[in-house]
Amino acid sequence: FHTYSEQTQKEFKEWYDAKYPPSKFKM
C-alpha cells in the first residue's frame, strides 16, 4: 500500500472501505 502514489492510495482506501465496511468486518 505504501509503495503507491497518494492518488492511488486514496482510490484504494475508498474502494476498500466500500468493500469492507468497519462495522461489518472486525478481527
PDB file of all heavy atoms in Angstrom:
ATOM      1  N   PHE A   1       0.824  -1.211   0.000  1.00  0.00           N
ATOM      2  CA  PHE A   1       0.000   0.000   0.000  1.00  0.00           C
ATOM      3  C   PHE A   1       0.863   1.269   0.000  1.00  0.00           C
ATOM      4  O   PHE A   1       0.591   2.221  -0.747  1.00  0.00           O
ATOM      5  CB  PHE A   1      -0.921  -0.011   1.223  1.00  0.00           C
ATOM      6  CG  PHE A   1      -1.764   1.216   1.382  1.00  0.00           C
ATOM      7  CD1 PHE A   1      -2.915   1.394   0.620  1.00  0.00           C
ATOM      8  CD2 PHE A   1      -1.404   2.210   2.285  1.00  0.00           C
ATOM      9  CE1 PHE A   1      -3.683   2.534   0.762  1.00  0.00           C
ATOM     10  CE2 PHE A   1      -2.182   3.353   2.436  1.00  0.00           C
ATOM     11  CZ  PHE A   1      -3.317   3.511   1.669  1.00  0.00           C
ATOM     12  N   HIS A   2       1.929   1.286   0.827  1.00  0.00           N
ATOM     13  CA  HIS A   2       2.735   2.499   0.972  1.00  0.00           C
ATOM     14  C   HIS A   2       3.649   2.760  -0.218  1.00  0.00           C
ATOM     15  O   HIS A   2       4.284   3.813  -0.291  1.00  0.00           O
ATOM     16  CB  HIS A   2       3.569   2.413   2.252  1.00  0.00           C
ATOM     17  CG  HIS A   2       2.744   2.350   3.495  1.00  0.00           C
ATOM     18  ND1 HIS A   2       1.944   3.387   3.900  1.00  0.00           N
ATOM     19  CD2 HIS A   2       2.572   1.357   4.405  1.00  0.00           C
ATOM     20  CE1 HIS A   2       1.324   3.057   5.023  1.00  0.00           C
ATOM     21  NE2 HIS A   2       1.684   1.816   5.347  1.00  0.00           N
ATOM     22  N   THR A   3       3.719   1.791  -1.136  1.00  0.00           N
ATOM     23  CA  THR A   3       4.568   1.999  -2.316  1.00  0.00           C
ATOM     24  C   THR A   3       3.819   2.714  -3.442  1.00  0.00           C
ATOM     25  O   THR A   3       4.423   3.037  -4.475  1.00  0.00           O
ATOM     26  CB  THR A   3       5.091   0.648  -2.847  1.00  0.00           C
ATOM     27  OG1 THR A   3       3.995  -0.102  -3.395  1.00  0.00           O
ATOM     28  CG2 THR A   3       5.774  -0.143  -1.737  1.00  0.00           C
ATOM     29  N   TYR A   4       2.524   2.947  -3.268  1.00  0.00           N
ATOM     30  CA  TYR A   4       1.720   3.583  -4.308  1.00  0.00           C
ATOM     31  C   TYR A   4       1.695   5.100  -4.126  1.00  0.00           C
ATOM     32  O   TYR A   4       1.943   5.620  -3.032  1.00  0.00           O
ATOM     33  CB  TYR A   4       0.291   3.040  -4.295  1.00  0.00           C
ATOM     34  CG  TYR A   4       0.199   1.520  -4.392  1.00  0.00           C
ATOM     35  CD1 TYR A   4      -0.792   0.812  -3.733  1.00  0.00           C
ATOM     36  CD2 TYR A   4       1.106   0.808  -5.174  1.00  0.00           C
ATOM     37  CE1 TYR A   4      -0.873  -0.568  -3.824  1.00  0.00           C
ATOM     38  CE2 TYR A   4       1.038  -0.572  -5.281  1.00  0.00           C
ATOM     39  CZ  TYR A   4       0.047  -1.257  -4.596  1.00  0.00           C
ATOM     40  OH  TYR A   4      -0.017  -2.616  -4.689  1.00  0.00           O
ATOM     41  N   SER A   5       1.316   5.791  -5.176  1.00  0.00           N
ATOM     42  CA  SER A   5       1.204   7.251  -5.117  1.00  0.00           C
ATOM     43  C   SER A   5       0.055   7.648  -4.208  1.00  0.00           C
ATOM     44  O   SER A   5      -0.818   6.843  -3.881  1.00  0.00           O
ATOM     45  CB  SER A   5       0.967   7.818  -6.522  1.00  0.00           C
ATOM     46  OG  SER A   5      -0.311   7.409  -6.997  1.00  0.00           O
ATOM     47  N   GLU A   6       0.036   8.912  -3.781  1.00  0.00           N
ATOM     48  CA  GLU A   6      -1.031   9.404  -2.898  1.00  0.00           C
ATOM     49  C   GLU A   6      -2.398   9.226  -3.541  1.00  0.00           C
ATOM     50  O   GLU A   6      -3.375   8.866  -2.864  1.00  0.00           O
ATOM     51  CB  GLU A   6      -0.786  10.872  -2.554  1.00  0.00           C
ATOM     52  CG  GLU A   6       0.404  11.100  -1.636  1.00  0.00           C
ATOM     53  CD  GLU A   6       0.530  12.560  -1.229  1.00  0.00           C
ATOM     54  OE1 GLU A   6      -0.357  13.367  -1.619  1.00  0.00           O
ATOM     55  OE2 GLU A   6       1.493  12.883  -0.530  1.00  0.00           O
ATOM     56  N   GLN A   7      -2.475   9.465  -4.837  1.00  0.00           N
ATOM     57  CA  GLN A   7      -3.756   9.338  -5.519  1.00  0.00           C
ATOM     58  C   GLN A   7      -4.223   7.882  -5.531  1.00  0.00           C
ATOM     59  O   GLN A   7      -5.387   7.597  -5.267  1.00  0.00           O
ATOM     60  CB  GLN A   7      -3.644   9.864  -6.955  1.00  0.00           C
ATOM     61  CG  GLN A   7      -4.929   9.760  -7.766  1.00  0.00           C
ATOM     62  CD  GLN A   7      -6.079  10.561  -7.157  1.00  0.00           C
ATOM     63  OE1 GLN A   7      -5.874  11.640  -6.560  1.00  0.00           O
ATOM     64  NE2 GLN A   7      -7.305  10.060  -7.290  1.00  0.00           N
ATOM     65  N   THR A   8      -3.278   6.958  -5.819  1.00  0.00           N
ATOM     66  CA  THR A   8      -3.633   5.534  -5.840  1.00  0.00           C
ATOM     67  C   THR A   8      -4.014   5.052  -4.447  1.00  0.00           C
ATOM     68  O   THR A   8      -4.959   4.267  -4.282  1.00  0.00           O
ATOM     69  CB  THR A   8      -2.473   4.696  -6.398  1.00  0.00           C
ATOM     70  OG1 THR A   8      -2.185   5.133  -7.717  1.00  0.00           O
ATOM     71  CG2 THR A   8      -2.815   3.220  -6.419  1.00  0.00           C
ATOM     72  N   GLN A   9      -3.297   5.549  -3.416  1.00  0.00           N
ATOM     73  CA  GLN A   9      -3.640   5.172  -2.038  1.00  0.00           C
ATOM     74  C   GLN A   9      -5.053   5.641  -1.688  1.00  0.00           C
ATOM     75  O   GLN A   9      -5.827   4.921  -1.040  1.00  0.00           O
ATOM     76  CB  GLN A   9      -2.633   5.773  -1.061  1.00  0.00           C
ATOM     77  CG  GLN A   9      -1.269   5.126  -1.101  1.00  0.00           C
ATOM     78  CD  GLN A   9      -0.342   5.665  -0.037  1.00  0.00           C
ATOM     79  OE1 GLN A   9      -0.798   6.062   1.036  1.00  0.00           O
ATOM     80  NE2 GLN A   9       0.957   5.685  -0.340  1.00  0.00           N
ATOM     81  N   LYS A  10      -5.395   6.867  -2.130  1.00  0.00           N
ATOM     82  CA  LYS A  10      -6.731   7.400  -1.843  1.00  0.00           C
ATOM     83  C   LYS A  10      -7.801   6.555  -2.513  1.00  0.00           C
ATOM     84  O   LYS A  10      -8.820   6.203  -1.904  1.00  0.00           O
ATOM     85  CB  LYS A  10      -6.807   8.848  -2.332  1.00  0.00           C
ATOM     86  CG  LYS A  10      -8.159   9.501  -2.095  1.00  0.00           C
ATOM     87  CD  LYS A  10      -8.177  10.921  -2.632  1.00  0.00           C
ATOM     88  CE  LYS A  10      -9.565  11.539  -2.432  1.00  0.00           C
ATOM     89  NZ  LYS A  10      -9.636  12.929  -2.992  1.00  0.00           N
ATOM     90  N   GLU A  11      -7.563   6.211  -3.765  1.00  0.00           N
ATOM     91  CA  GLU A  11      -8.529   5.399  -4.507  1.00  0.00           C
ATOM     92  C   GLU A  11      -8.666   4.010  -3.874  1.00  0.00           C
ATOM     93  O   GLU A  11      -9.772   3.460  -3.775  1.00  0.00           O
ATOM     94  CB  GLU A  11      -8.081   5.282  -5.966  1.00  0.00           C
ATOM     95  CG  GLU A  11      -8.165   6.593  -6.724  1.00  0.00           C
ATOM     96  CD  GLU A  11      -7.557   6.489  -8.119  1.00  0.00           C
ATOM     97  OE1 GLU A  11      -7.003   5.410  -8.426  1.00  0.00           O
ATOM     98  OE2 GLU A  11      -7.639   7.480  -8.878  1.00  0.00           O
ATOM     99  N   PHE A  12      -7.534   3.465  -3.476  1.00  0.00           N
ATOM    100  CA  PHE A  12      -7.569   2.132  -2.851  1.00  0.00           C
ATOM    101  C   PHE A  12      -8.366   2.173  -1.546  1.00  0.00           C
ATOM    102  O   PHE A  12      -9.179   1.285  -1.276  1.00  0.00           O
ATOM    103  CB  PHE A  12      -6.149   1.637  -2.571  1.00  0.00           C
ATOM    104  CG  PHE A  12      -6.095   0.253  -1.967  1.00  0.00           C
ATOM    105  CD1 PHE A  12      -5.979  -0.871  -2.757  1.00  0.00           C
ATOM    106  CD2 PHE A  12      -6.196   0.077  -0.588  1.00  0.00           C
ATOM    107  CE1 PHE A  12      -5.941  -2.139  -2.210  1.00  0.00           C
ATOM    108  CE2 PHE A  12      -6.177  -1.186  -0.021  1.00  0.00           C
ATOM    109  CZ  PHE A  12      -6.051  -2.307  -0.835  1.00  0.00           C
ATOM    110  N   LYS A  13      -8.127   3.210  -0.719  1.00  0.00           N
ATOM    111  CA  LYS A  13      -8.818   3.307   0.568  1.00  0.00           C
ATOM    112  C   LYS A  13     -10.321   3.432   0.378  1.00  0.00           C
ATOM    113  O   LYS A  13     -11.109   2.815   1.101  1.00  0.00           O
ATOM    114  CB  LYS A  13      -8.275   4.475   1.364  1.00  0.00           C
ATOM    115  CG  LYS A  13      -8.765   4.537   2.808  1.00  0.00           C
ATOM    116  CD  LYS A  13      -8.111   5.666   3.558  1.00  0.00           C
ATOM    117  CE  LYS A  13      -8.507   5.655   5.027  1.00  0.00           C
ATOM    118  NZ  LYS A  13      -9.961   5.633   5.250  1.00  0.00           N
ATOM    119  N   GLU A  14     -10.732   4.220  -0.610  1.00  0.00           N
ATOM    120  CA  GLU A  14     -12.173   4.381  -0.873  1.00  0.00           C
ATOM    121  C   GLU A  14     -12.779   3.050  -1.314  1.00  0.00           C
ATOM    122  O   GLU A  14     -13.874   2.672  -0.888  1.00  0.00           O
ATOM    123  CB  GLU A  14     -12.379   5.446  -1.951  1.00  0.00           C
ATOM    124  CG  GLU A  14     -12.049   6.852  -1.472  1.00  0.00           C
ATOM    125  CD  GLU A  14     -12.128   7.864  -2.600  1.00  0.00           C
ATOM    126  OE1 GLU A  14     -12.279   7.430  -3.779  1.00  0.00           O
ATOM    127  OE2 GLU A  14     -12.043   9.077  -2.318  1.00  0.00           O
ATOM    128  N   TRP A  15     -12.057   2.357  -2.183  1.00  0.00           N
ATOM    129  CA  TRP A  15     -12.553   1.043  -2.637  1.00  0.00           C
ATOM    130  C   TRP A  15     -12.622   0.046  -1.476  1.00  0.00           C
ATOM    131  O   TRP A  15     -13.609  -0.679  -1.322  1.00  0.00           O
ATOM    132  CB  TRP A  15     -11.604   0.517  -3.715  1.00  0.00           C
ATOM    133  CG  TRP A  15     -11.832  -0.943  -4.040  1.00  0.00           C
ATOM    134  CD1 TRP A  15     -12.752  -1.457  -4.885  1.00  0.00           C
ATOM    135  CD2 TRP A  15     -11.121  -2.050  -3.473  1.00  0.00           C
ATOM    136  NE1 TRP A  15     -12.679  -2.834  -4.897  1.00  0.00           N
ATOM    137  CE2 TRP A  15     -11.680  -3.222  -4.027  1.00  0.00           C
ATOM    138  CE3 TRP A  15     -10.092  -2.167  -2.553  1.00  0.00           C
ATOM    139  CZ2 TRP A  15     -11.235  -4.497  -3.694  1.00  0.00           C
ATOM    140  CZ3 TRP A  15      -9.641  -3.435  -2.223  1.00  0.00           C
ATOM    141  CH2 TRP A  15     -10.206  -4.582  -2.784  1.00  0.00           C
ATOM    142  N   TYR A  16     -11.573   0.038  -0.644  1.00  0.00           N
ATOM    143  CA  TYR A  16     -11.505  -0.911   0.476  1.00  0.00           C
ATOM    144  C   TYR A  16     -12.624  -0.657   1.482  1.00  0.00           C
ATOM    145  O   TYR A  16     -13.296  -1.595   1.943  1.00  0.00           O
ATOM    146  CB  TYR A  16     -10.142  -0.797   1.160  1.00  0.00           C
ATOM    147  CG  TYR A  16      -9.922  -1.827   2.259  1.00  0.00           C
ATOM    148  CD1 TYR A  16      -9.277  -3.028   1.986  1.00  0.00           C
ATOM    149  CD2 TYR A  16     -10.366  -1.604   3.566  1.00  0.00           C
ATOM    150  CE1 TYR A  16      -9.080  -3.977   2.977  1.00  0.00           C
ATOM    151  CE2 TYR A  16     -10.183  -2.546   4.561  1.00  0.00           C
ATOM    152  CZ  TYR A  16      -9.537  -3.733   4.264  1.00  0.00           C
ATOM    153  OH  TYR A  16      -9.349  -4.675   5.250  1.00  0.00           O
ATOM    154  N   ASP A  17     -12.847   0.613   1.861  1.00  0.00           N
ATOM    155  CA  ASP A  17     -13.883   0.930   2.863  1.00  0.00           C
ATOM    156  C   ASP A  17     -15.269   0.569   2.360  1.00  0.00           C
ATOM    157  O   ASP A  17     -16.150   0.213   3.148  1.00  0.00           O
ATOM    158  CB  ASP A  17     -13.820   2.415   3.216  1.00  0.00           C
ATOM    159  CG  ASP A  17     -12.585   2.756   4.031  1.00  0.00           C
ATOM    160  OD1 ASP A  17     -11.957   1.816   4.572  1.00  0.00           O
ATOM    161  OD2 ASP A  17     -12.240   3.945   4.117  1.00  0.00           O
ATOM    162  N   ALA A  18     -15.468   0.671   1.030  1.00  0.00           N
ATOM    163  CA  ALA A  18     -16.771   0.302   0.477  1.00  0.00           C
ATOM    164  C   ALA A  18     -16.960  -1.218   0.484  1.00  0.00           C
ATOM    165  O   ALA A  18     -18.049  -1.727   0.762  1.00  0.00           O
ATOM    166  CB  ALA A  18     -16.888   0.835  -0.951  1.00  0.00           C
ATOM    167  N   LYS A  19     -15.881  -1.941   0.197  1.00  0.00           N
ATOM    168  CA  LYS A  19     -15.978  -3.405   0.139  1.00  0.00           C
ATOM    169  C   LYS A  19     -15.980  -4.036   1.516  1.00  0.00           C
ATOM    170  O   LYS A  19     -16.660  -5.031   1.764  1.00  0.00           O
ATOM    171  CB  LYS A  19     -14.812  -3.960  -0.682  1.00  0.00           C
ATOM    172  CG  LYS A  19     -14.868  -5.475  -0.893  1.00  0.00           C
ATOM    173  CD  LYS A  19     -13.792  -5.940  -1.844  1.00  0.00           C
ATOM    174  CE  LYS A  19     -13.835  -7.458  -2.053  1.00  0.00           C
ATOM    175  NZ  LYS A  19     -15.097  -7.879  -2.710  1.00  0.00           N
ATOM    176  N   TYR A  20     -15.226  -3.446   2.452  1.00  0.00           N
ATOM    177  CA  TYR A  20     -15.100  -4.000   3.801  1.00  0.00           C
ATOM    178  C   TYR A  20     -15.443  -2.938   4.841  1.00  0.00           C
ATOM    179  O   TYR A  20     -14.559  -2.368   5.490  1.00  0.00           O
ATOM    180  CB  TYR A  20     -13.671  -4.509   4.053  1.00  0.00           C
ATOM    181  CG  TYR A  20     -13.176  -5.522   3.044  1.00  0.00           C
ATOM    182  CD1 TYR A  20     -12.224  -5.145   2.089  1.00  0.00           C
ATOM    183  CD2 TYR A  20     -13.646  -6.832   3.039  1.00  0.00           C
ATOM    184  CE1 TYR A  20     -11.759  -6.071   1.162  1.00  0.00           C
ATOM    185  CE2 TYR A  20     -13.187  -7.751   2.118  1.00  0.00           C
ATOM    186  CZ  TYR A  20     -12.249  -7.362   1.178  1.00  0.00           C
ATOM    187  OH  TYR A  20     -11.784  -8.278   0.258  1.00  0.00           O
ATOM    188  N   PRO A  21     -16.735  -2.603   4.982  1.00  0.00           N
ATOM    189  CA  PRO A  21     -17.116  -1.562   5.956  1.00  0.00           C
ATOM    190  C   PRO A  21     -16.711  -1.964   7.375  1.00  0.00           C
ATOM    191  O   PRO A  21     -16.902  -3.122   7.776  1.00  0.00           O
ATOM    192  CB  PRO A  21     -18.631  -1.488   5.814  1.00  0.00           C
ATOM    193  CG  PRO A  21     -19.037  -2.773   5.166  1.00  0.00           C
ATOM    194  CD  PRO A  21     -17.890  -3.184   4.302  1.00  0.00           C
ATOM    195  N   PRO A  22     -16.124  -1.051   8.149  1.00  0.00           N
ATOM    196  CA  PRO A  22     -15.629  -1.358   9.502  1.00  0.00           C
ATOM    197  C   PRO A  22     -16.682  -1.966  10.426  1.00  0.00           C
ATOM    198  O   PRO A  22     -16.389  -2.791  11.277  1.00  0.00           O
ATOM    199  CB  PRO A  22     -15.157   0.004  10.016  1.00  0.00           C
ATOM    200  CG  PRO A  22     -14.861   0.789   8.779  1.00  0.00           C
ATOM    201  CD  PRO A  22     -15.854   0.339   7.767  1.00  0.00           C
ATOM    202  N   SER A  23     -17.932  -1.588  10.255  1.00  0.00           N
ATOM    203  CA  SER A  23     -18.987  -2.099  11.135  1.00  0.00           C
ATOM    204  C   SER A  23     -19.279  -3.573  10.900  1.00  0.00           C
ATOM    205  O   SER A  23     -19.800  -4.264  11.762  1.00  0.00           O
ATOM    206  CB  SER A  23     -20.266  -1.278  10.935  1.00  0.00           C
ATOM    207  OG  SER A  23     -20.696  -1.374   9.577  1.00  0.00           O
ATOM    208  N   LYS A  24     -18.904  -4.066   9.715  1.00  0.00           N
ATOM    209  CA  LYS A  24     -19.220  -5.443   9.369  1.00  0.00           C
ATOM    210  C   LYS A  24     -18.042  -6.384   9.587  1.00  0.00           C
ATOM    211  O   LYS A  24     -18.204  -7.516  10.047  1.00  0.00           O
ATOM    212  CB  LYS A  24     -19.671  -5.506   7.911  1.00  0.00           C
ATOM    213  CG  LYS A  24     -20.064  -6.914   7.455  1.00  0.00           C
ATOM    214  CD  LYS A  24     -20.531  -6.905   6.010  1.00  0.00           C
ATOM    215  CE  LYS A  24     -20.911  -8.312   5.556  1.00  0.00           C
ATOM    216  NZ  LYS A  24     -21.328  -8.332   4.133  1.00  0.00           N
ATOM    217  N   PHE A  25     -16.838  -5.925   9.263  1.00  0.00           N
ATOM    218  CA  PHE A  25     -15.673  -6.795   9.334  1.00  0.00           C
ATOM    219  C   PHE A  25     -14.764  -6.375  10.475  1.00  0.00           C
ATOM    220  O   PHE A  25     -14.138  -5.313  10.432  1.00  0.00           O
ATOM    221  CB  PHE A  25     -14.896  -6.759   8.011  1.00  0.00           C
ATOM    222  CG  PHE A  25     -15.676  -7.294   6.848  1.00  0.00           C
ATOM    223  CD1 PHE A  25     -16.338  -6.430   5.992  1.00  0.00           C
ATOM    224  CD2 PHE A  25     -15.754  -8.658   6.617  1.00  0.00           C
ATOM    225  CE1 PHE A  25     -17.064  -6.914   4.914  1.00  0.00           C
ATOM    226  CE2 PHE A  25     -16.473  -9.141   5.548  1.00  0.00           C
ATOM    227  CZ  PHE A  25     -17.138  -8.276   4.693  1.00  0.00           C
ATOM    228  N   LYS A  26     -14.741  -7.182  11.504  1.00  0.00           N
ATOM    229  CA  LYS A  26     -13.891  -6.920  12.660  1.00  0.00           C
ATOM    230  C   LYS A  26     -13.042  -8.156  12.961  1.00  0.00           C
ATOM    231  O   LYS A  26     -13.507  -9.283  12.837  1.00  0.00           O
ATOM    232  CB  LYS A  26     -14.723  -6.558  13.886  1.00  0.00           C
ATOM    233  CG  LYS A  26     -15.426  -5.213  13.782  1.00  0.00           C
ATOM    234  CD  LYS A  26     -16.150  -4.872  15.078  1.00  0.00           C
ATOM    235  CE  LYS A  26     -16.810  -3.509  14.979  1.00  0.00           C
ATOM    236  NZ  LYS A  26     -17.522  -3.167  16.241  1.00  0.00           N
ATOM    237  N   MET A  27     -11.818  -7.927  13.367  1.00  0.00           N
ATOM    238  CA  MET A  27     -10.937  -9.028  13.758  1.00  0.00           C
ATOM    239  C   MET A  27     -11.444  -9.657  15.038  1.00  0.00           C
ATOM    240  O   MET A  27     -11.807  -8.952  15.986  1.00  0.00           O
ATOM    241  CB  MET A  27      -9.507  -8.512  13.971  1.00  0.00           C
ATOM    242  CG  MET A  27      -8.510  -9.590  14.361  1.00  0.00           C
ATOM    243  SD  MET A  27      -8.132 -10.743  13.044  1.00  0.00           S
ATOM    244  CE  MET A  27      -7.085  -9.722  12.002  1.00  0.00           C
TER     245      MET A  27
END
